[in-house]
Amino acid sequence: MPPRQPLKLPKPKAKAAAPKASGHNIAAVAAQLLAESPQAEARKPKLPSGFSPYPDLTMAIAMLSKRQQMILKDSERAKLLGRWLGQLQEMQAEMQKLYKLEQLAGRLGGK
């Protein structure tokens, strides 16, 4: 059996030298360094195309309400569908509030 070859590990990349900052501009330089850091990119979630963090549930709500109308009002299935419908409506209202808050925060933050 031939002797094992040592693993070839990738060489570490040299770090860029931090720019020298004067005393009054430290906050600006720190913000620039944070924006350029790899962790800044990791914090921003990359969503697949066509994906929304706040999906619209109106179609699901409409379908459940239509099913609920076709079922007898006294059955357990109707009660279950009623609970699901209520939960979906609450979720839709909360997501709309969050979306509006996110828009407001973006406008105030200058994005």
PDB file of N, CA and C in Angstrom:
ATOM      1  N   MET A   1       0.845  -1.170   0.000  1.00  0.00           N
ATOM      2  CA  MET A   1       0.000   0.000   0.000  1.00  0.00           C
ATOM      3  C   MET A   1       0.901   1.247   0.000  1.00  0.00           C
ATOM      4  N   PRO A   2       0.650   2.194  -0.904  1.00  0.00           N
ATOM      5  CA  PRO A   2       1.515   3.382  -0.980  1.00  0.00           C
ATOM      6  C   PRO A   2       1.303   4.296   0.219  1.00  0.00           C
ATOM      7  N   PRO A   3       2.306   5.072   0.568  1.00  0.00           N
ATOM      8  CA  PRO A   3       2.157   5.986   1.707  1.00  0.00           C
ATOM      9  C   PRO A   3       1.125   7.076   1.400  1.00  0.00           C
ATOM     10  N   ARG A   4       0.460   7.537   2.437  1.00  0.00           N
ATOM     11  CA  ARG A   4      -0.564   8.577   2.279  1.00  0.00           C
ATOM     12  C   ARG A   4       0.083   9.927   2.037  1.00  0.00           C
ATOM     13  N   GLN A   5      -0.551  10.691   1.195  1.00  0.00           N
ATOM     14  CA  GLN A   5      -0.076  12.043   0.917  1.00  0.00           C
ATOM     15  C   GLN A   5      -0.709  13.008   1.917  1.00  0.00           C
ATOM     16  N   PRO A   6       0.015  14.020   2.341  1.00  0.00           N
ATOM     17  CA  PRO A   6      -0.588  14.996   3.256  1.00  0.00           C
ATOM     18  C   PRO A   6      -1.687  15.793   2.553  1.00  0.00           C
ATOM     19  N   LEU A   7      -2.684  16.193   3.341  1.00  0.00           N
ATOM     20  CA  LEU A   7      -3.779  16.982   2.786  1.00  0.00           C
ATOM     21  C   LEU A   7      -3.281  18.364   2.412  1.00  0.00           C
ATOM     22  N   LYS A   8      -3.767  18.868   1.293  1.00  0.00           N
ATOM     23  CA  LYS A   8      -3.432  20.229   0.884  1.00  0.00           C
ATOM     24  C   LYS A   8      -4.540  21.151   1.367  1.00  0.00           C
ATOM     25  N   LEU A   9      -4.235  21.894   2.415  1.00  0.00           N
ATOM     26  CA  LEU A   9      -5.202  22.801   2.994  1.00  0.00           C
ATOM     27  C   LEU A   9      -5.135  24.147   2.302  1.00  0.00           C
ATOM     28  N   PRO A  10      -6.286  24.813   2.172  1.00  0.00           N
ATOM     29  CA  PRO A  10      -6.262  26.142   1.550  1.00  0.00           C
ATOM     30  C   PRO A  10      -5.532  27.124   2.453  1.00  0.00           C
ATOM     31  N   LYS A  11      -4.766  28.015   1.827  1.00  0.00           N
ATOM     32  CA  LYS A  11      -4.009  28.999   2.584  1.00  0.00           C
ATOM     33  C   LYS A  11      -4.951  30.098   3.057  1.00  0.00           C
ATOM     34  N   PRO A  12      -4.782  30.567   4.297  1.00  0.00           N
ATOM     35  CA  PRO A  12      -5.653  31.642   4.786  1.00  0.00           C
ATOM     36  C   PRO A  12      -5.389  32.927   4.004  1.00  0.00           C
ATOM     37  N   LYS A  13      -6.468  33.651   3.726  1.00  0.00           N
ATOM     38  CA  LYS A  13      -6.361  34.892   2.978  1.00  0.00           C
ATOM     39  C   LYS A  13      -5.876  35.996   3.907  1.00  0.00           C
ATOM     40  N   ALA A  14      -5.088  36.871   3.369  1.00  0.00           N
ATOM     41  CA  ALA A  14      -4.579  37.990   4.159  1.00  0.00           C
ATOM     42  C   ALA A  14      -5.717  38.975   4.426  1.00  0.00           C
ATOM     43  N   LYS A  15      -5.787  39.450   5.657  1.00  0.00           N
ATOM     44  CA  LYS A  15      -6.831  40.408   6.026  1.00  0.00           C
ATOM     45  C   LYS A  15      -6.438  41.790   5.540  1.00  0.00           C
ATOM     46  N   ALA A  16      -7.436  42.543   5.106  1.00  0.00           N
ATOM     47  CA  ALA A  16      -7.182  43.904   4.666  1.00  0.00           C
ATOM     48  C   ALA A  16      -6.884  44.765   5.881  1.00  0.00           C
ATOM     49  N   ALA A  17      -5.945  45.642   5.730  1.00  0.00           N
ATOM     50  CA  ALA A  17      -5.571  46.526   6.833  1.00  0.00           C
ATOM     51  C   ALA A  17      -6.690  47.521   7.077  1.00  0.00           C
ATOM     52  N   ALA A  18      -7.021  47.728   8.340  1.00  0.00           N
ATOM     53  CA  ALA A  18      -8.082  48.669   8.684  1.00  0.00           C
ATOM     54  C   ALA A  18      -7.596  50.083   8.437  1.00  0.00           C
ATOM     55  N   PRO A  19      -8.436  50.932   7.856  1.00  0.00           N
ATOM     56  CA  PRO A  19      -8.012  52.308   7.607  1.00  0.00           C
ATOM     57  C   PRO A  19      -7.829  53.047   8.921  1.00  0.00           C
ATOM     58  N   LYS A  20      -6.817  53.892   8.947  1.00  0.00           N
ATOM     59  CA  LYS A  20      -6.559  54.681  10.151  1.00  0.00           C
ATOM     60  C   LYS A  20      -7.586  55.794  10.224  1.00  0.00           C
ATOM     61  N   ALA A  21      -8.166  55.932  11.391  1.00  0.00           N
ATOM     62  CA  ALA A  21      -9.228  56.915  11.559  1.00  0.00           C
ATOM     63  C   ALA A  21      -8.813  57.996  12.534  1.00  0.00           C
ATOM     64  N   SER A  22      -9.287  59.188  12.268  1.00  0.00           N
ATOM     65  CA  SER A  22      -9.061  60.264  13.226  1.00  0.00           C
ATOM     66  C   SER A  22     -10.099  60.158  14.325  1.00  0.00           C
ATOM     67  N   GLY A  23      -9.936  60.877  15.400  1.00  0.00           N
ATOM     68  CA  GLY A  23     -10.802  60.755  16.564  1.00  0.00           C
ATOM     69  C   GLY A  23     -12.249  61.111  16.308  1.00  0.00           C
ATOM     70  N   HIS A  24     -12.530  62.035  15.430  1.00  0.00           N
ATOM     71  CA  HIS A  24     -13.909  62.479  15.215  1.00  0.00           C
ATOM     72  C   HIS A  24     -14.655  61.627  14.203  1.00  0.00           C
ATOM     73  N   ASN A  25     -13.972  60.735  13.502  1.00  0.00           N
ATOM     74  CA  ASN A  25     -14.609  59.960  12.433  1.00  0.00           C
ATOM     75  C   ASN A  25     -14.645  58.469  12.751  1.00  0.00           C
ATOM     76  N   ILE A  26     -14.495  58.092  13.993  1.00  0.00           N
ATOM     77  CA  ILE A  26     -14.437  56.683  14.374  1.00  0.00           C
ATOM     78  C   ILE A  26     -15.760  55.975  14.098  1.00  0.00           C
ATOM     79  N   ALA A  27     -16.878  56.625  14.378  1.00  0.00           N
ATOM     80  CA  ALA A  27     -18.183  55.993  14.173  1.00  0.00           C
ATOM     81  C   ALA A  27     -18.416  55.687  12.697  1.00  0.00           C
ATOM     82  N   ALA A  28     -18.014  56.597  11.815  1.00  0.00           N
ATOM     83  CA  ALA A  28     -18.208  56.369  10.383  1.00  0.00           C
ATOM     84  C   ALA A  28     -17.358  55.209   9.893  1.00  0.00           C
ATOM     85  N   VAL A  29     -16.123  55.134  10.374  1.00  0.00           N
ATOM     86  CA  VAL A  29     -15.241  54.040   9.970  1.00  0.00           C
ATOM     87  C   VAL A  29     -15.747  52.715  10.518  1.00  0.00           C
ATOM     88  N   ALA A  30     -16.241  52.703  11.754  1.00  0.00           N
ATOM     89  CA  ALA A  30     -16.775  51.469  12.342  1.00  0.00           C
ATOM     90  C   ALA A  30     -17.996  50.995  11.568  1.00  0.00           C
ATOM     91  N   ALA A  31     -18.860  51.916  11.180  1.00  0.00           N
ATOM     92  CA  ALA A  31     -20.047  51.535  10.401  1.00  0.00           C
ATOM     93  C   ALA A  31     -19.638  50.973   9.044  1.00  0.00           C
ATOM     94  N   GLN A  32     -18.603  51.554   8.424  1.00  0.00           N
ATOM     95  CA  GLN A  32     -18.141  51.059   7.135  1.00  0.00           C
ATOM     96  C   GLN A  32     -17.541  49.664   7.267  1.00  0.00           C
ATOM     97  N   LEU A  33     -16.765  49.445   8.329  1.00  0.00           N
ATOM     98  CA  LEU A  33     -16.178  48.127   8.541  1.00  0.00           C
ATOM     99  C   LEU A  33     -17.247  47.076   8.804  1.00  0.00           C
ATOM    100  N   LEU A  34     -18.274  47.435   9.548  1.00  0.00           N
ATOM    101  CA  LEU A  34     -19.359  46.484   9.808  1.00  0.00           C
ATOM    102  C   LEU A  34     -20.110  46.153   8.532  1.00  0.00           C
ATOM    103  N   ALA A  35     -20.302  47.151   7.681  1.00  0.00           N
ATOM    104  CA  ALA A  35     -21.033  46.914   6.437  1.00  0.00           C
ATOM    105  C   ALA A  35     -20.237  46.017   5.499  1.00  0.00           C
ATOM    106  N   GLU A  36     -18.895  46.101   5.555  1.00  0.00           N
ATOM    107  CA  GLU A  36     -18.061  45.301   4.663  1.00  0.00           C
ATOM    108  C   GLU A  36     -17.756  43.916   5.218  1.00  0.00           C
ATOM    109  N   SER A  37     -18.077  43.666   6.473  1.00  0.00           N
ATOM    110  CA  SER A  37     -17.721  42.386   7.086  1.00  0.00           C
ATOM    111  C   SER A  37     -18.583  41.250   6.526  1.00  0.00           C
ATOM    112  N   PRO A  38     -18.057  40.029   6.511  1.00  0.00           N
ATOM    113  CA  PRO A  38     -18.835  38.888   6.008  1.00  0.00           C
ATOM    114  C   PRO A  38     -20.062  38.599   6.872  1.00  0.00           C
ATOM    115  N   GLN A  39     -20.006  38.977   8.161  1.00  0.00           N
ATOM    116  CA  GLN A  39     -21.165  38.738   9.017  1.00  0.00           C
ATOM    117  C   GLN A  39     -22.335  39.607   8.598  1.00  0.00           C
ATOM    118  N   ALA A  40     -22.060  40.789   8.028  1.00  0.00           N
ATOM    119  CA  ALA A  40     -23.145  41.664   7.594  1.00  0.00           C
ATOM    120  C   ALA A  40     -23.955  40.995   6.494  1.00  0.00           C
ATOM    121  N   GLU A  41     -23.264  40.291   5.588  1.00  0.00           N
ATOM    122  CA  GLU A  41     -23.979  39.584   4.530  1.00  0.00           C
ATOM    123  C   GLU A  41     -24.735  38.390   5.087  1.00  0.00           C
ATOM    124  N   ALA A  42     -24.188  37.751   6.118  1.00  0.00           N
ATOM    125  CA  ALA A  42     -24.846  36.583   6.704  1.00  0.00           C
ATOM    126  C   ALA A  42     -26.112  36.988   7.442  1.00  0.00           C
ATOM    127  N   ARG A  43     -26.156  38.221   7.958  1.00  0.00           N
ATOM    128  CA  ARG A  43     -27.342  38.659   8.692  1.00  0.00           C
ATOM    129  C   ARG A  43     -28.525  38.909   7.774  1.00  0.00           C
ATOM    130  N   LYS A  44     -28.263  39.253   6.529  1.00  0.00           N
ATOM    131  CA  LYS A  44     -29.337  39.525   5.587  1.00  0.00           C
ATOM    132  C   LYS A  44     -29.828  38.200   5.007  1.00  0.00           C
ATOM    133  N   PRO A  45     -31.060  37.798   5.296  1.00  0.00           N
ATOM    134  CA  PRO A  45     -31.528  36.526   4.749  1.00  0.00           C
ATOM    135  C   PRO A  45     -31.755  36.636   3.247  1.00  0.00           C
ATOM    136  N   LYS A  46     -31.266  35.653   2.527  1.00  0.00           N
ATOM    137  CA  LYS A  46     -31.480  35.622   1.083  1.00  0.00           C
ATOM    138  C   LYS A  46     -32.692  34.739   0.818  1.00  0.00           C
ATOM    139  N   LEU A  47     -33.737  35.357   0.313  1.00  0.00           N
ATOM    140  CA  LEU A  47     -34.977  34.641   0.057  1.00  0.00           C
ATOM    141  C   LEU A  47     -35.003  34.161  -1.380  1.00  0.00           C
ATOM    142  N   PRO A  48     -35.559  32.979  -1.617  1.00  0.00           N
ATOM    143  CA  PRO A  48     -35.693  32.522  -2.992  1.00  0.00           C
ATOM    144  C   PRO A  48     -36.645  33.430  -3.757  1.00  0.00           C
ATOM    145  N   SER A  49     -36.465  33.488  -5.055  1.00  0.00           N
ATOM    146  CA  SER A  49     -37.324  34.363  -5.845  1.00  0.00           C
ATOM    147  C   SER A  49     -38.768  33.885  -5.762  1.00  0.00           C
ATOM    148  N   GLY A  50     -39.669  34.824  -5.668  1.00  0.00           N
ATOM    149  CA  GLY A  50     -41.084  34.495  -5.555  1.00  0.00           C
ATOM    150  C   GLY A  50     -41.522  34.213  -4.135  1.00  0.00           C
ATOM    151  N   PHE A  51     -40.614  34.302  -3.183  1.00  0.00           N
ATOM    152  CA  PHE A  51     -40.958  34.037  -1.791  1.00  0.00           C
ATOM    153  C   PHE A  51     -41.174  35.352  -1.067  1.00  0.00           C
ATOM    154  N   SER A  52     -42.252  35.425  -0.316  1.00  0.00           N
ATOM    155  CA  SER A  52     -42.547  36.629   0.448  1.00  0.00           C
ATOM    156  C   SER A  52     -42.553  36.274   1.925  1.00  0.00           C
ATOM    157  N   PRO A  53     -41.914  37.083   2.775  1.00  0.00           N
ATOM    158  CA  PRO A  53     -41.949  36.790   4.204  1.00  0.00           C
ATOM    159  C   PRO A  53     -43.338  37.008   4.795  1.00  0.00           C
ATOM    160  N   TYR A  54     -44.187  37.741   4.090  1.00  0.00           N
ATOM    161  CA  TYR A  54     -45.557  37.986   4.539  1.00  0.00           C
ATOM    162  C   TYR A  54     -46.509  37.552   3.428  1.00  0.00           C
ATOM    163  N   PRO A  55     -46.803  36.254   3.326  1.00  0.00           N
ATOM    164  CA  PRO A  55     -47.663  35.792   2.231  1.00  0.00           C
ATOM    165  C   PRO A  55     -49.099  36.262   2.418  1.00  0.00           C
ATOM    166  N   ASP A  56     -49.794  36.353   1.312  1.00  0.00           N
ATOM    167  CA  ASP A  56     -51.197  36.761   1.326  1.00  0.00           C
ATOM    168  C   ASP A  56     -52.054  35.512   1.514  1.00  0.00           C
ATOM    169  N   LEU A  57     -52.850  35.494   2.571  1.00  0.00           N
ATOM    170  CA  LEU A  57     -53.669  34.319   2.896  1.00  0.00           C
ATOM    171  C   LEU A  57     -55.116  34.470   2.469  1.00  0.00           C
ATOM    172  N   THR A  58     -55.441  35.482   1.675  1.00  0.00           N
ATOM    173  CA  THR A  58     -56.848  35.710   1.320  1.00  0.00           C
ATOM    174  C   THR A  58     -57.431  34.552   0.531  1.00  0.00           C
ATOM    175  N   MET A  59     -56.642  33.929  -0.344  1.00  0.00           N
ATOM    176  CA  MET A  59     -57.166  32.805  -1.125  1.00  0.00           C
ATOM    177  C   MET A  59     -57.468  31.614  -0.211  1.00  0.00           C
ATOM    178  N   ALA A  60     -56.589  31.320   0.722  1.00  0.00           N
ATOM    179  CA  ALA A  60     -56.824  30.215   1.656  1.00  0.00           C
ATOM    180  C   ALA A  60     -58.025  30.503   2.539  1.00  0.00           C
ATOM    181  N   ILE A  61     -58.184  31.755   2.952  1.00  0.00           N
ATOM    182  CA  ILE A  61     -59.337  32.136   3.774  1.00  0.00           C
ATOM    183  C   ILE A  61     -60.620  31.972   2.979  1.00  0.00           C
ATOM    184  N   ALA A  62     -60.599  32.386   1.721  1.00  0.00           N
ATOM    185  CA  ALA A  62     -61.785  32.252   0.876  1.00  0.00           C
ATOM    186  C   ALA A  62     -62.142  30.784   0.648  1.00  0.00           C
ATOM    187  N   MET A  63     -61.140  29.946   0.426  1.00  0.00           N
ATOM    188  CA  MET A  63     -61.404  28.521   0.210  1.00  0.00           C
ATOM    189  C   MET A  63     -61.979  27.868   1.465  1.00  0.00           C
ATOM    190  N   LEU A  64     -61.434  28.195   2.626  1.00  0.00           N
ATOM    191  CA  LEU A  64     -61.956  27.617   3.863  1.00  0.00           C
ATOM    192  C   LEU A  64     -63.369  28.099   4.157  1.00  0.00           C
ATOM    193  N   SER A  65     -63.644  29.355   3.889  1.00  0.00           N
ATOM    194  CA  SER A  65     -65.004  29.849   4.142  1.00  0.00           C
ATOM    195  C   SER A  65     -66.000  29.197   3.191  1.00  0.00           C
ATOM    196  N   LYS A  66     -65.584  28.936   1.956  1.00  0.00           N
ATOM    197  CA  LYS A  66     -66.461  28.254   1.005  1.00  0.00           C
ATOM    198  C   LYS A  66     -66.732  26.818   1.454  1.00  0.00           C
ATOM    199  N   ARG A  67     -65.699  26.138   1.944  1.00  0.00           N
ATOM    200  CA  ARG A  67     -65.886  24.772   2.456  1.00  0.00           C
ATOM    201  C   ARG A  67     -66.785  24.762   3.682  1.00  0.00           C
ATOM    202  N   GLN A  68     -66.604  25.778   4.528  1.00  0.00           N
ATOM    203  CA  GLN A  68     -67.412  25.839   5.743  1.00  0.00           C
ATOM    204  C   GLN A  68     -68.889  26.028   5.399  1.00  0.00           C
ATOM    205  N   GLN A  69     -69.189  26.754   4.349  1.00  0.00           N
ATOM    206  CA  GLN A  69     -70.580  26.965   3.940  1.00  0.00           C
ATOM    207  C   GLN A  69     -71.209  25.693   3.390  1.00  0.00           C
ATOM    208  N   MET A  70     -70.402  24.809   2.788  1.00  0.00           N
ATOM    209  CA  MET A  70     -70.935  23.573   2.215  1.00  0.00           C
ATOM    210  C   MET A  70     -71.213  22.507   3.274  1.00  0.00           C
ATOM    211  N   ILE A  71     -70.652  22.650   4.459  1.00  0.00           N
ATOM    212  CA  ILE A  71     -70.795  21.648   5.522  1.00  0.00           C
ATOM    213  C   ILE A  71     -71.929  22.065   6.450  1.00  0.00           C
ATOM    214  N   LEU A  72     -72.569  21.062   7.050  1.00  0.00           N
ATOM    215  CA  LEU A  72     -73.626  21.340   8.023  1.00  0.00           C
ATOM    216  C   LEU A  72     -73.059  22.157   9.185  1.00  0.00           C
ATOM    217  N   LYS A  73     -73.821  23.108   9.668  1.00  0.00           N
ATOM    218  CA  LYS A  73     -73.349  24.025  10.715  1.00  0.00           C
ATOM    219  C   LYS A  73     -73.116  23.326  12.057  1.00  0.00           C
ATOM    220  N   ASP A  74     -73.813  22.233  12.319  1.00  0.00           N
ATOM    221  CA  ASP A  74     -73.735  21.579  13.629  1.00  0.00           C
ATOM    222  C   ASP A  74     -72.611  20.554  13.733  1.00  0.00           C
ATOM    223  N   SER A  75     -71.990  20.208  12.653  1.00  0.00           N
ATOM    224  CA  SER A  75     -70.992  19.126  12.701  1.00  0.00           C
ATOM    225  C   SER A  75     -69.673  19.605  13.311  1.00  0.00           C
ATOM    226  N   GLU A  76     -68.898  18.620  13.758  1.00  0.00           N
ATOM    227  CA  GLU A  76     -67.594  18.930  14.346  1.00  0.00           C
ATOM    228  C   GLU A  76     -66.635  19.456  13.288  1.00  0.00           C
ATOM    229  N   ARG A  77     -66.819  18.976  12.074  1.00  0.00           N
ATOM    230  CA  ARG A  77     -65.958  19.434  10.982  1.00  0.00           C
ATOM    231  C   ARG A  77     -66.157  20.927  10.731  1.00  0.00           C
ATOM    232  N   ALA A  78     -67.376  21.403  10.830  1.00  0.00           N
ATOM    233  CA  ALA A  78     -67.651  22.828  10.644  1.00  0.00           C
ATOM    234  C   ALA A  78     -67.012  23.651  11.755  1.00  0.00           C
ATOM    235  N   LYS A  79     -67.054  23.122  12.975  1.00  0.00           N
ATOM    236  CA  LYS A  79     -66.423  23.825  14.096  1.00  0.00           C
ATOM    237  C   LYS A  79     -64.910  23.904  13.892  1.00  0.00           C
ATOM    238  N   LEU A  80     -64.320  22.807  13.426  1.00  0.00           N
ATOM    239  CA  LEU A  80     -62.887  22.764  13.165  1.00  0.00           C
ATOM    240  C   LEU A  80     -62.503  23.755  12.061  1.00  0.00           C
ATOM    241  N   LEU A  81     -63.267  23.750  10.984  1.00  0.00           N
ATOM    242  CA  LEU A  81     -62.999  24.686   9.900  1.00  0.00           C
ATOM    243  C   LEU A  81     -63.172  26.131  10.371  1.00  0.00           C
ATOM    244  N   GLY A  82     -64.126  26.364  11.265  1.00  0.00           N
ATOM    245  CA  GLY A  82     -64.335  27.699  11.818  1.00  0.00           C
ATOM    246  C   GLY A  82     -63.126  28.164  12.627  1.00  0.00           C
ATOM    247  N   ARG A  83     -62.558  27.245  13.401  1.00  0.00           N
ATOM    248  CA  ARG A  83     -61.355  27.592  14.176  1.00  0.00           C
ATOM    249  C   ARG A  83     -60.173  27.884  13.257  1.00  0.00           C
ATOM    250  N   TRP A  84     -60.000  27.039  12.224  1.00  0.00           N
ATOM    251  CA  TRP A  84     -58.920  27.261  11.267  1.00  0.00           C
ATOM    252  C   TRP A  84     -59.090  28.611  10.574  1.00  0.00           C
ATOM    253  N   LEU A  85     -60.319  28.889  10.200  1.00  0.00           N
ATOM    254  CA  LEU A  85     -60.611  30.146   9.508  1.00  0.00           C
ATOM    255  C   LEU A  85     -60.287  31.338  10.408  1.00  0.00           C
ATOM    256  N   GLY A  86     -60.668  31.253  11.664  1.00  0.00           N
ATOM    257  CA  GLY A  86     -60.364  32.318  12.614  1.00  0.00           C
ATOM    258  C   GLY A  86     -58.865  32.512  12.793  1.00  0.00           C
ATOM    259  N   GLN A  87     -58.133  31.399  12.893  1.00  0.00           N
ATOM    260  CA  GLN A  87     -56.678  31.487  13.050  1.00  0.00           C
ATOM    261  C   GLN A  87     -56.027  32.093  11.817  1.00  0.00           C
ATOM    262  N   LEU A  88     -56.488  31.689  10.634  1.00  0.00           N
ATOM    263  CA  LEU A  88     -55.930  32.254   9.407  1.00  0.00           C
ATOM    264  C   LEU A  88     -56.203  33.751   9.308  1.00  0.00           C
ATOM    265  N   GLN A  89     -57.393  34.169   9.696  1.00  0.00           N
ATOM    266  CA  GLN A  89     -57.726  35.589   9.649  1.00  0.00           C
ATOM    267  C   GLN A  89     -56.871  36.383  10.633  1.00  0.00           C
ATOM    268  N   GLU A  90     -56.624  35.825  11.814  1.00  0.00           N
ATOM    269  CA  GLU A  90     -55.747  36.486  12.793  1.00  0.00           C
ATOM    270  C   GLU A  90     -54.325  36.586  12.261  1.00  0.00           C
ATOM    271  N   MET A  91     -53.833  35.500  11.664  1.00  0.00           N
ATOM    272  CA  MET A  91     -52.487  35.513  11.104  1.00  0.00           C
ATOM    273  C   MET A  91     -52.364  36.536   9.983  1.00  0.00           C
ATOM    274  N   GLN A  92     -53.378  36.624   9.135  1.00  0.00           N
ATOM    275  CA  GLN A  92     -53.366  37.583   8.036  1.00  0.00           C
ATOM    276  C   GLN A  92     -53.306  39.013   8.584  1.00  0.00           C
ATOM    277  N   ALA A  93     -54.106  39.292   9.603  1.00  0.00           N
ATOM    278  CA  ALA A  93     -54.117  40.638  10.190  1.00  0.00           C
ATOM    279  C   ALA A  93     -52.762  40.962  10.820  1.00  0.00           C
ATOM    280  N   GLU A  94     -52.159  40.006  11.525  1.00  0.00           N
ATOM    281  CA  GLU A  94     -50.858  40.231  12.149  1.00  0.00           C
ATOM    282  C   GLU A  94     -49.759  40.439  11.110  1.00  0.00           C
ATOM    283  N   MET A  95     -49.794  39.654  10.027  1.00  0.00           N
ATOM    284  CA  MET A  95     -48.787  39.810   8.990  1.00  0.00           C
ATOM    285  C   MET A  95     -48.908  41.160   8.294  1.00  0.00           C
ATOM    286  N   GLN A  96     -50.131  41.637   8.106  1.00  0.00           N
ATOM    287  CA  GLN A  96     -50.312  42.953   7.502  1.00  0.00           C
ATOM    288  C   GLN A  96     -49.750  44.038   8.412  1.00  0.00           C
ATOM    289  N   LYS A  97     -49.973  43.898   9.731  1.00  0.00           N
ATOM    290  CA  LYS A  97     -49.410  44.864  10.678  1.00  0.00           C
ATOM    291  C   LYS A  97     -47.883  44.844  10.630  1.00  0.00           C
ATOM    292  N   LEU A  98     -47.289  43.640  10.622  1.00  0.00           N
ATOM    293  CA  LEU A  98     -45.834  43.528  10.574  1.00  0.00           C
ATOM    294  C   LEU A  98     -45.266  44.115   9.287  1.00  0.00           C
ATOM    295  N   TYR A  99     -45.937  43.869   8.180  1.00  0.00           N
ATOM    296  CA  TYR A  99     -45.477  44.393   6.899  1.00  0.00           C
ATOM    297  C   TYR A  99     -45.502  45.922   6.902  1.00  0.00           C
ATOM    298  N   LYS A 100     -46.574  46.497   7.444  1.00  0.00           N
ATOM    299  CA  LYS A 100     -46.669  47.948   7.507  1.00  0.00           C
ATOM    300  C   LYS A 100     -45.614  48.531   8.439  1.00  0.00           C
ATOM    301  N   LEU A 101     -45.362  47.851   9.562  1.00  0.00           N
ATOM    302  CA  LEU A 101     -44.312  48.304  10.474  1.00  0.00           C
ATOM    303  C   LEU A 101     -42.933  48.231   9.824  1.00  0.00           C
ATOM    304  N   GLU A 102     -42.695  47.170   9.055  1.00  0.00           N
ATOM    305  CA  GLU A 102     -41.420  47.032   8.368  1.00  0.00           C
ATOM    306  C   GLU A 102     -41.235  48.136   7.328  1.00  0.00           C
ATOM    307  N   GLN A 103     -42.309  48.471   6.612  1.00  0.00           N
ATOM    308  CA  GLN A 103     -42.237  49.565   5.638  1.00  0.00           C
ATOM    309  C   GLN A 103     -41.934  50.883   6.340  1.00  0.00           C
ATOM    310  N   LEU A 104     -42.591  51.139   7.456  1.00  0.00           N
ATOM    311  CA  LEU A 104     -42.374  52.377   8.195  1.00  0.00           C
ATOM    312  C   LEU A 104     -40.940  52.452   8.719  1.00  0.00           C
ATOM    313  N   ALA A 105     -40.454  51.334   9.248  1.00  0.00           N
ATOM    314  CA  ALA A 105     -39.083  51.311   9.755  1.00  0.00           C
ATOM    315  C   ALA A 105     -38.087  51.540   8.627  1.00  0.00           C
ATOM    316  N   GLY A 106     -38.361  50.976   7.457  1.00  0.00           N
ATOM    317  CA  GLY A 106     -37.482  51.193   6.315  1.00  0.00           C
ATOM    318  C   GLY A 106     -37.472  52.645   5.875  1.00  0.00           C
ATOM    319  N   ARG A 107     -38.621  53.282   5.899  1.00  0.00           N
ATOM    320  CA  ARG A 107     -38.693  54.702   5.512  1.00  0.00           C
ATOM    321  C   ARG A 107     -37.974  55.568   6.540  1.00  0.00           C
ATOM    322  N   LEU A 108     -38.144  55.257   7.812  1.00  0.00           N
ATOM    323  CA  LEU A 108     -37.489  56.042   8.850  1.00  0.00           C
ATOM    324  C   LEU A 108     -35.983  55.804   8.868  1.00  0.00           C
ATOM    325  N   GLY A 109     -35.585  54.592   8.514  1.00  0.00           N
ATOM    326  CA  GLY A 109     -34.165  54.251   8.498  1.00  0.00           C
ATOM    327  C   GLY A 109     -33.447  54.757   7.253  1.00  0.00           C
ATOM    328  N   GLY A 110     -34.183  55.233   6.284  1.00  0.00           N
ATOM    329  CA  GLY A 110     -33.568  55.782   5.079  1.00  0.00           C
ATOM    330  C   GLY A 110     -33.238  54.744   4.023  1.00  0.00           C
ATOM    331  N   LYS A 111     -33.852  53.592   4.060  1.00  0.00           N
ATOM    332  CA  LYS A 111     -33.570  52.552   3.056  1.00  0.00           C
ATOM    333  C   LYS A 111     -34.311  52.842   1.793  1.00  0.00           C
TER     334      LYS A 111
END
